[in-house]
Amino acid sequence: MWQYITPVLTLILGLAGGFAIGVWYLKNQMTNMQMDEKQIQQIARSMGMNLNQKQMNQLSRKMQTQPKSGAGKKKK
């Protein structure tokens, strides 16, 4: 009986662990992502927006000063 239960349990635990590690890695990569103005302009155009230089500067400043999600924050 254990010969059937053990592989199923390890598969479930492996999938859950892999998913958790994948989510953590993706969040970590997204918070550390840096984009230059060309990439920001390309993303804006794909959303149907055309940013002028003033808007680009505002967006760049906002992205640089934005705190990392969850870093140093305490929830009450």
PDB file of N, CA and C in Angstrom:
ATOM      1  N   MET A   1       0.822  -1.200   0.000  1.00  0.00           N
ATOM      2  CA  MET A   1       0.000   0.000   0.000  1.00  0.00           C
ATOM      3  C   MET A   1       0.866   1.264   0.000  1.00  0.00           C
ATOM      4  N   TRP A   2       1.941   1.230   0.792  1.00  0.00           N
ATOM      5  CA  TRP A   2       2.820   2.401   0.844  1.00  0.00           C
ATOM      6  C   TRP A   2       3.528   2.639  -0.481  1.00  0.00           C
ATOM      7  N   GLN A   3       3.634   1.607  -1.296  1.00  0.00           N
ATOM      8  CA  GLN A   3       4.291   1.780  -2.590  1.00  0.00           C
ATOM      9  C   GLN A   3       3.477   2.654  -3.532  1.00  0.00           C
ATOM     10  N   TYR A   4       2.194   2.843  -3.254  1.00  0.00           N
ATOM     11  CA  TYR A   4       1.341   3.734  -4.047  1.00  0.00           C
ATOM     12  C   TYR A   4       1.198   5.110  -3.406  1.00  0.00           C
ATOM     13  N   ILE A   5       1.184   5.145  -2.087  1.00  0.00           N
ATOM     14  CA  ILE A   5       0.978   6.408  -1.370  1.00  0.00           C
ATOM     15  C   ILE A   5       2.219   7.296  -1.445  1.00  0.00           C
ATOM     16  N   THR A   6       3.399   6.725  -1.265  1.00  0.00           N
ATOM     17  CA  THR A   6       4.640   7.496  -1.233  1.00  0.00           C
ATOM     18  C   THR A   6       4.884   8.278  -2.529  1.00  0.00           C
ATOM     19  N   PRO A   7       4.790   7.665  -3.709  1.00  0.00           N
ATOM     20  CA  PRO A   7       5.015   8.471  -4.926  1.00  0.00           C
ATOM     21  C   PRO A   7       3.978   9.573  -5.122  1.00  0.00           C
ATOM     22  N   VAL A   8       2.739   9.310  -4.766  1.00  0.00           N
ATOM     23  CA  VAL A   8       1.701  10.332  -4.919  1.00  0.00           C
ATOM     24  C   VAL A   8       1.969  11.499  -3.980  1.00  0.00           C
ATOM     25  N   LEU A   9       2.319  11.204  -2.732  1.00  0.00           N
ATOM     26  CA  LEU A   9       2.615  12.277  -1.768  1.00  0.00           C
ATOM     27  C   LEU A   9       3.844  13.080  -2.187  1.00  0.00           C
ATOM     28  N   THR A  10       4.887  12.409  -2.654  1.00  0.00           N
ATOM     29  CA  THR A  10       6.082  13.153  -3.068  1.00  0.00           C
ATOM     30  C   THR A  10       5.799  14.002  -4.312  1.00  0.00           C
ATOM     31  N   LEU A  11       4.952  13.495  -5.204  1.00  0.00           N
ATOM     32  CA  LEU A  11       4.578  14.291  -6.373  1.00  0.00           C
ATOM     33  C   LEU A  11       3.827  15.551  -5.949  1.00  0.00           C
ATOM     34  N   ILE A  12       2.870  15.405  -5.055  1.00  0.00           N
ATOM     35  CA  ILE A  12       2.091  16.557  -4.583  1.00  0.00           C
ATOM     36  C   ILE A  12       2.987  17.550  -3.856  1.00  0.00           C
ATOM     37  N   LEU A  13       3.842  17.054  -2.965  1.00  0.00           N
ATOM     38  CA  LEU A  13       4.749  17.949  -2.242  1.00  0.00           C
ATOM     39  C   LEU A  13       5.741  18.623  -3.194  1.00  0.00           C
ATOM     40  N   GLY A  14       6.230  17.900  -4.189  1.00  0.00           N
ATOM     41  CA  GLY A  14       7.156  18.478  -5.162  1.00  0.00           C
ATOM     42  C   GLY A  14       6.505  19.562  -6.000  1.00  0.00           C
ATOM     43  N   LEU A  15       5.275  19.324  -6.430  1.00  0.00           N
ATOM     44  CA  LEU A  15       4.559  20.333  -7.212  1.00  0.00           C
ATOM     45  C   LEU A  15       4.281  21.581  -6.378  1.00  0.00           C
ATOM     46  N   ALA A  16       3.834  21.383  -5.136  1.00  0.00           N
ATOM     47  CA  ALA A  16       3.545  22.534  -4.267  1.00  0.00           C
ATOM     48  C   ALA A  16       4.826  23.313  -3.956  1.00  0.00           C
ATOM     49  N   GLY A  17       5.901  22.597  -3.651  1.00  0.00           N
ATOM     50  CA  GLY A  17       7.175  23.265  -3.371  1.00  0.00           C
ATOM     51  C   GLY A  17       7.723  23.985  -4.588  1.00  0.00           C
ATOM     52  N   GLY A  18       7.641  23.352  -5.741  1.00  0.00           N
ATOM     53  CA  GLY A  18       8.118  23.974  -6.975  1.00  0.00           C
ATOM     54  C   GLY A  18       7.323  25.217  -7.321  1.00  0.00           C
ATOM     55  N   PHE A  19       6.015  25.152  -7.114  1.00  0.00           N
ATOM     56  CA  PHE A  19       5.180  26.315  -7.379  1.00  0.00           C
ATOM     57  C   PHE A  19       5.548  27.463  -6.441  1.00  0.00           C
ATOM     58  N   ALA A  20       5.721  27.152  -5.149  1.00  0.00           N
ATOM     59  CA  ALA A  20       6.072  28.189  -4.177  1.00  0.00           C
ATOM     60  C   ALA A  20       7.420  28.824  -4.509  1.00  0.00           C
ATOM     61  N   ILE A  21       8.390  28.012  -4.865  1.00  0.00           N
ATOM     62  CA  ILE A  21       9.711  28.540  -5.221  1.00  0.00           C
ATOM     63  C   ILE A  21       9.629  29.367  -6.503  1.00  0.00           C
ATOM     64  N   GLY A  22       8.839  28.921  -7.467  1.00  0.00           N
ATOM     65  CA  GLY A  22       8.664  29.661  -8.710  1.00  0.00           C
ATOM     66  C   GLY A  22       8.036  31.022  -8.495  1.00  0.00           C
ATOM     67  N   VAL A  23       7.019  31.089  -7.645  1.00  0.00           N
ATOM     68  CA  VAL A  23       6.367  32.364  -7.336  1.00  0.00           C
ATOM     69  C   VAL A  23       7.345  33.290  -6.632  1.00  0.00           C
ATOM     70  N   TRP A  24       8.079  32.759  -5.673  1.00  0.00           N
ATOM     71  CA  TRP A  24       9.065  33.581  -4.947  1.00  0.00           C
ATOM     72  C   TRP A  24      10.123  34.124  -5.911  1.00  0.00           C
ATOM     73  N   TYR A  25      10.629  33.272  -6.806  1.00  0.00           N
ATOM     74  CA  TYR A  25      11.655  33.692  -7.754  1.00  0.00           C
ATOM     75  C   TYR A  25      11.128  34.769  -8.710  1.00  0.00           C
ATOM     76  N   LEU A  26       9.917  34.580  -9.203  1.00  0.00           N
ATOM     77  CA  LEU A  26       9.332  35.558 -10.121  1.00  0.00           C
ATOM     78  C   LEU A  26       9.119  36.906  -9.431  1.00  0.00           C
ATOM     79  N   LYS A  27       8.613  36.891  -8.201  1.00  0.00           N
ATOM     80  CA  LYS A  27       8.439  38.149  -7.457  1.00  0.00           C
ATOM     81  C   LYS A  27       9.778  38.833  -7.234  1.00  0.00           C
ATOM     82  N   ASN A  28      10.787  38.049  -6.897  1.00  0.00           N
ATOM     83  CA  ASN A  28      12.116  38.600  -6.658  1.00  0.00           C
ATOM     84  C   ASN A  28      12.673  39.232  -7.931  1.00  0.00           C
ATOM     85  N   GLN A  29      12.505  38.579  -9.057  1.00  0.00           N
ATOM     86  CA  GLN A  29      12.988  39.120 -10.322  1.00  0.00           C
ATOM     87  C   GLN A  29      12.227  40.379 -10.722  1.00  0.00           C
ATOM     88  N   MET A  30      10.924  40.417 -10.468  1.00  0.00           N
ATOM     89  CA  MET A  30      10.118  41.583 -10.832  1.00  0.00           C
ATOM     90  C   MET A  30      10.495  42.803  -9.999  1.00  0.00           C
ATOM     91  N   THR A  31      10.816  42.614  -8.718  1.00  0.00           N
ATOM     92  CA  THR A  31      11.180  43.760  -7.888  1.00  0.00           C
ATOM     93  C   THR A  31      12.564  44.287  -8.237  1.00  0.00           C
ATOM     94  N   ASN A  32      13.432  43.432  -8.750  1.00  0.00           N
ATOM     95  CA  ASN A  32      14.791  43.863  -9.092  1.00  0.00           C
ATOM     96  C   ASN A  32      14.918  44.322 -10.534  1.00  0.00           C
ATOM     97  N   MET A  33      13.822  44.294 -11.282  1.00  0.00           N
ATOM     98  CA  MET A  33      13.867  44.623 -12.697  1.00  0.00           C
ATOM     99  C   MET A  33      14.103  46.126 -12.902  1.00  0.00           C
ATOM    100  N   GLN A  34      15.014  46.438 -13.774  1.00  0.00           N
ATOM    101  CA  GLN A  34      15.320  47.825 -14.120  1.00  0.00           C
ATOM    102  C   GLN A  34      15.031  47.993 -15.608  1.00  0.00           C
ATOM    103  N   MET A  35      14.333  49.069 -15.954  1.00  0.00           N
ATOM    104  CA  MET A  35      14.023  49.324 -17.356  1.00  0.00           C
ATOM    105  C   MET A  35      14.567  50.692 -17.747  1.00  0.00           C
ATOM    106  N   ASP A  36      15.085  50.751 -18.949  1.00  0.00           N
ATOM    107  CA  ASP A  36      15.517  52.043 -19.457  1.00  0.00           C
ATOM    108  C   ASP A  36      14.341  52.701 -20.176  1.00  0.00           C
ATOM    109  N   GLU A  37      14.560  53.925 -20.625  1.00  0.00           N
ATOM    110  CA  GLU A  37      13.470  54.701 -21.228  1.00  0.00           C
ATOM    111  C   GLU A  37      12.938  54.063 -22.503  1.00  0.00           C
ATOM    112  N   LYS A  38      13.801  53.426 -23.257  1.00  0.00           N
ATOM    113  CA  LYS A  38      13.368  52.791 -24.496  1.00  0.00           C
ATOM    114  C   LYS A  38      12.384  51.654 -24.208  1.00  0.00           C
ATOM    115  N   GLN A  39      12.666  50.858 -23.174  1.00  0.00           N
ATOM    116  CA  GLN A  39      11.770  49.759 -22.814  1.00  0.00           C
ATOM    117  C   GLN A  39      10.444  50.292 -22.286  1.00  0.00           C
ATOM    118  N   ILE A  40      10.489  51.334 -21.481  1.00  0.00           N
ATOM    119  CA  ILE A  40       9.265  51.932 -20.946  1.00  0.00           C
ATOM    120  C   ILE A  40       8.414  52.475 -22.084  1.00  0.00           C
ATOM    121  N   GLN A  41       9.040  53.159 -23.037  1.00  0.00           N
ATOM    122  CA  GLN A  41       8.317  53.710 -24.184  1.00  0.00           C
ATOM    123  C   GLN A  41       7.673  52.590 -25.010  1.00  0.00           C
ATOM    124  N   GLN A  42       8.385  51.481 -25.178  1.00  0.00           N
ATOM    125  CA  GLN A  42       7.860  50.347 -25.937  1.00  0.00           C
ATOM    126  C   GLN A  42       6.643  49.736 -25.231  1.00  0.00           C
ATOM    127  N   ILE A  43       6.698  49.599 -23.919  1.00  0.00           N
ATOM    128  CA  ILE A  43       5.563  49.066 -23.158  1.00  0.00           C
ATOM    129  C   ILE A  43       4.377  50.015 -23.252  1.00  0.00           C
ATOM    130  N   ALA A  44       4.646  51.316 -23.150  1.00  0.00           N
ATOM    131  CA  ALA A  44       3.563  52.302 -23.239  1.00  0.00           C
ATOM    132  C   ALA A  44       2.903  52.260 -24.611  1.00  0.00           C
ATOM    133  N   ARG A  45       3.695  52.128 -25.650  1.00  0.00           N
ATOM    134  CA  ARG A  45       3.127  52.049 -27.008  1.00  0.00           C
ATOM    135  C   ARG A  45       2.294  50.792 -27.190  1.00  0.00           C
ATOM    136  N   SER A  46       2.719  49.691 -26.576  1.00  0.00           N
ATOM    137  CA  SER A  46       1.939  48.452 -26.700  1.00  0.00           C
ATOM    138  C   SER A  46       0.594  48.585 -25.995  1.00  0.00           C
ATOM    139  N   MET A  47       0.499  49.516 -25.044  1.00  0.00           N
ATOM    140  CA  MET A  47      -0.773  49.769 -24.363  1.00  0.00           C
ATOM    141  C   MET A  47      -1.550  50.904 -25.031  1.00  0.00           C
ATOM    142  N   GLY A  48      -1.038  51.421 -26.146  1.00  0.00           N
ATOM    143  CA  GLY A  48      -1.743  52.453 -26.888  1.00  0.00           C
ATOM    144  C   GLY A  48      -1.482  53.862 -26.394  1.00  0.00           C
ATOM    145  N   MET A  49      -0.402  54.073 -25.656  1.00  0.00           N
ATOM    146  CA  MET A  49      -0.059  55.401 -25.140  1.00  0.00           C
ATOM    147  C   MET A  49       1.238  55.859 -25.791  1.00  0.00           C
ATOM    148  N   ASN A  50       1.356  57.160 -25.990  1.00  0.00           N
ATOM    149  CA  ASN A  50       2.585  57.742 -26.498  1.00  0.00           C
ATOM    150  C   ASN A  50       3.046  58.777 -25.479  1.00  0.00           C
ATOM    151  N   LEU A  51       4.111  58.466 -24.750  1.00  0.00           N
ATOM    152  CA  LEU A  51       4.582  59.331 -23.672  1.00  0.00           C
ATOM    153  C   LEU A  51       5.551  60.383 -24.207  1.00  0.00           C
ATOM    154  N   ASN A  52       5.377  61.628 -23.759  1.00  0.00           N
ATOM    155  CA  ASN A  52       6.356  62.651 -24.105  1.00  0.00           C
ATOM    156  C   ASN A  52       7.495  62.617 -23.077  1.00  0.00           C
ATOM    157  N   GLN A  53       8.500  63.472 -23.249  1.00  0.00           N
ATOM    158  CA  GLN A  53       9.692  63.416 -22.398  1.00  0.00           C
ATOM    159  C   GLN A  53       9.373  63.721 -20.939  1.00  0.00           C
ATOM    160  N   LYS A  54       8.470  64.666 -20.679  1.00  0.00           N
ATOM    161  CA  LYS A  54       8.104  65.018 -19.309  1.00  0.00           C
ATOM    162  C   LYS A  54       7.444  63.817 -18.616  1.00  0.00           C
ATOM    163  N   GLN A  55       6.547  63.130 -19.332  1.00  0.00           N
ATOM    164  CA  GLN A  55       5.888  61.959 -18.756  1.00  0.00           C
ATOM    165  C   GLN A  55       6.894  60.831 -18.522  1.00  0.00           C
ATOM    166  N   MET A  56       7.857  60.681 -19.435  1.00  0.00           N
ATOM    167  CA  MET A  56       8.892  59.661 -19.271  1.00  0.00           C
ATOM    168  C   MET A  56       9.722  59.930 -18.025  1.00  0.00           C
ATOM    169  N   ASN A  57      10.089  61.191 -17.820  1.00  0.00           N
ATOM    170  CA  ASN A  57      10.876  61.547 -16.639  1.00  0.00           C
ATOM    171  C   ASN A  57      10.095  61.284 -15.354  1.00  0.00           C
ATOM    172  N   GLN A  58       8.809  61.642 -15.343  1.00  0.00           N
ATOM    173  CA  GLN A  58       7.980  61.395 -14.172  1.00  0.00           C
ATOM    174  C   GLN A  58       7.877  59.902 -13.878  1.00  0.00           C
ATOM    175  N   LEU A  59       7.651  59.109 -14.910  1.00  0.00           N
ATOM    176  CA  LEU A  59       7.514  57.672 -14.739  1.00  0.00           C
ATOM    177  C   LEU A  59       8.824  57.046 -14.270  1.00  0.00           C
ATOM    178  N   SER A  60       9.937  57.490 -14.827  1.00  0.00           N
ATOM    179  CA  SER A  60      11.250  56.965 -14.418  1.00  0.00           C
ATOM    180  C   SER A  60      11.524  57.277 -12.957  1.00  0.00           C
ATOM    181  N   ARG A  61      11.227  58.520 -12.531  1.00  0.00           N
ATOM    182  CA  ARG A  61      11.418  58.891 -11.125  1.00  0.00           C
ATOM    183  C   ARG A  61      10.530  58.069 -10.211  1.00  0.00           C
ATOM    184  N   LYS A  62       9.293  57.879 -10.635  1.00  0.00           N
ATOM    185  CA  LYS A  62       8.344  57.120  -9.815  1.00  0.00           C
ATOM    186  C   LYS A  62       8.798  55.671  -9.656  1.00  0.00           C
ATOM    187  N   MET A  63       9.320  55.091 -10.727  1.00  0.00           N
ATOM    188  CA  MET A  63       9.785  53.709 -10.650  1.00  0.00           C
ATOM    189  C   MET A  63      11.021  53.574  -9.772  1.00  0.00           C
ATOM    190  N   GLN A  64      11.887  54.579  -9.766  1.00  0.00           N
ATOM    191  CA  GLN A  64      13.102  54.511  -8.962  1.00  0.00           C
ATOM    192  C   GLN A  64      12.817  54.727  -7.489  1.00  0.00           C
ATOM    193  N   THR A  65      11.853  55.597  -7.158  1.00  0.00           N
ATOM    194  CA  THR A  65      11.573  55.894  -5.757  1.00  0.00           C
ATOM    195  C   THR A  65      10.542  54.958  -5.149  1.00  0.00           C
ATOM    196  N   GLN A  66       9.922  54.122  -5.968  1.00  0.00           N
ATOM    197  CA  GLN A  66       8.896  53.205  -5.477  1.00  0.00           C
ATOM    198  C   GLN A  66       9.558  52.172  -4.565  1.00  0.00           C
ATOM    199  N   PRO A  67       9.034  52.003  -3.335  1.00  0.00           N
ATOM    200  CA  PRO A  67       9.640  51.031  -2.437  1.00  0.00           C
ATOM    201  C   PRO A  67       9.385  49.611  -2.921  1.00  0.00           C
ATOM    202  N   LYS A  68      10.303  48.728  -2.583  1.00  0.00           N
ATOM    203  CA  LYS A  68      10.147  47.325  -2.942  1.00  0.00           C
ATOM    204  C   LYS A  68       8.959  46.755  -2.182  1.00  0.00           C
ATOM    205  N   SER A  69       8.181  45.925  -2.832  1.00  0.00           N
ATOM    206  CA  SER A  69       6.971  45.392  -2.209  1.00  0.00           C
ATOM    207  C   SER A  69       7.341  44.472  -1.059  1.00  0.00           C
ATOM    208  N   GLY A  70       6.807  44.801   0.121  1.00  0.00           N
ATOM    209  CA  GLY A  70       6.995  43.978   1.297  1.00  0.00           C
ATOM    210  C   GLY A  70       8.281  44.231   2.047  1.00  0.00           C
ATOM    211  N   ALA A  71       9.213  44.990   1.491  1.00  0.00           N
ATOM    212  CA  ALA A  71      10.489  45.227   2.149  1.00  0.00           C
ATOM    213  C   ALA A  71      10.339  46.324   3.193  1.00  0.00           C
ATOM    214  N   GLY A  72      10.529  45.967   4.443  1.00  0.00           N
ATOM    215  CA  GLY A  72      10.483  46.940   5.512  1.00  0.00           C
ATOM    216  C   GLY A  72       9.115  47.391   5.921  1.00  0.00           C
ATOM    217  N   LYS A  73       8.090  46.792   5.393  1.00  0.00           N
ATOM    218  CA  LYS A  73       6.737  47.186   5.755  1.00  0.00           C
ATOM    219  C   LYS A  73       6.203  46.276   6.839  1.00  0.00           C
ATOM    220  N   LYS A  74       5.525  46.857   7.795  1.00  0.00           N
ATOM    221  CA  LYS A  74       4.865  46.075   8.829  1.00  0.00           C
ATOM    222  C   LYS A  74       3.376  46.245   8.695  1.00  0.00           C
ATOM    223  N   LYS A  75       2.696  45.122   8.701  1.00  0.00           N
ATOM    224  CA  LYS A  75       1.241  45.183   8.621  1.00  0.00           C
ATOM    225  C   LYS A  75       0.677  45.170  10.017  1.00  0.00           C
ATOM    226  N   LYS A  76      -0.339  45.991  10.215  1.00  0.00           N
ATOM    227  CA  LYS A  76      -0.956  46.057  11.546  1.00  0.00           C
ATOM    228  C   LYS A  76      -2.191  45.210  11.604  1.00  0.00           C
TER     229      LYS A  76
END
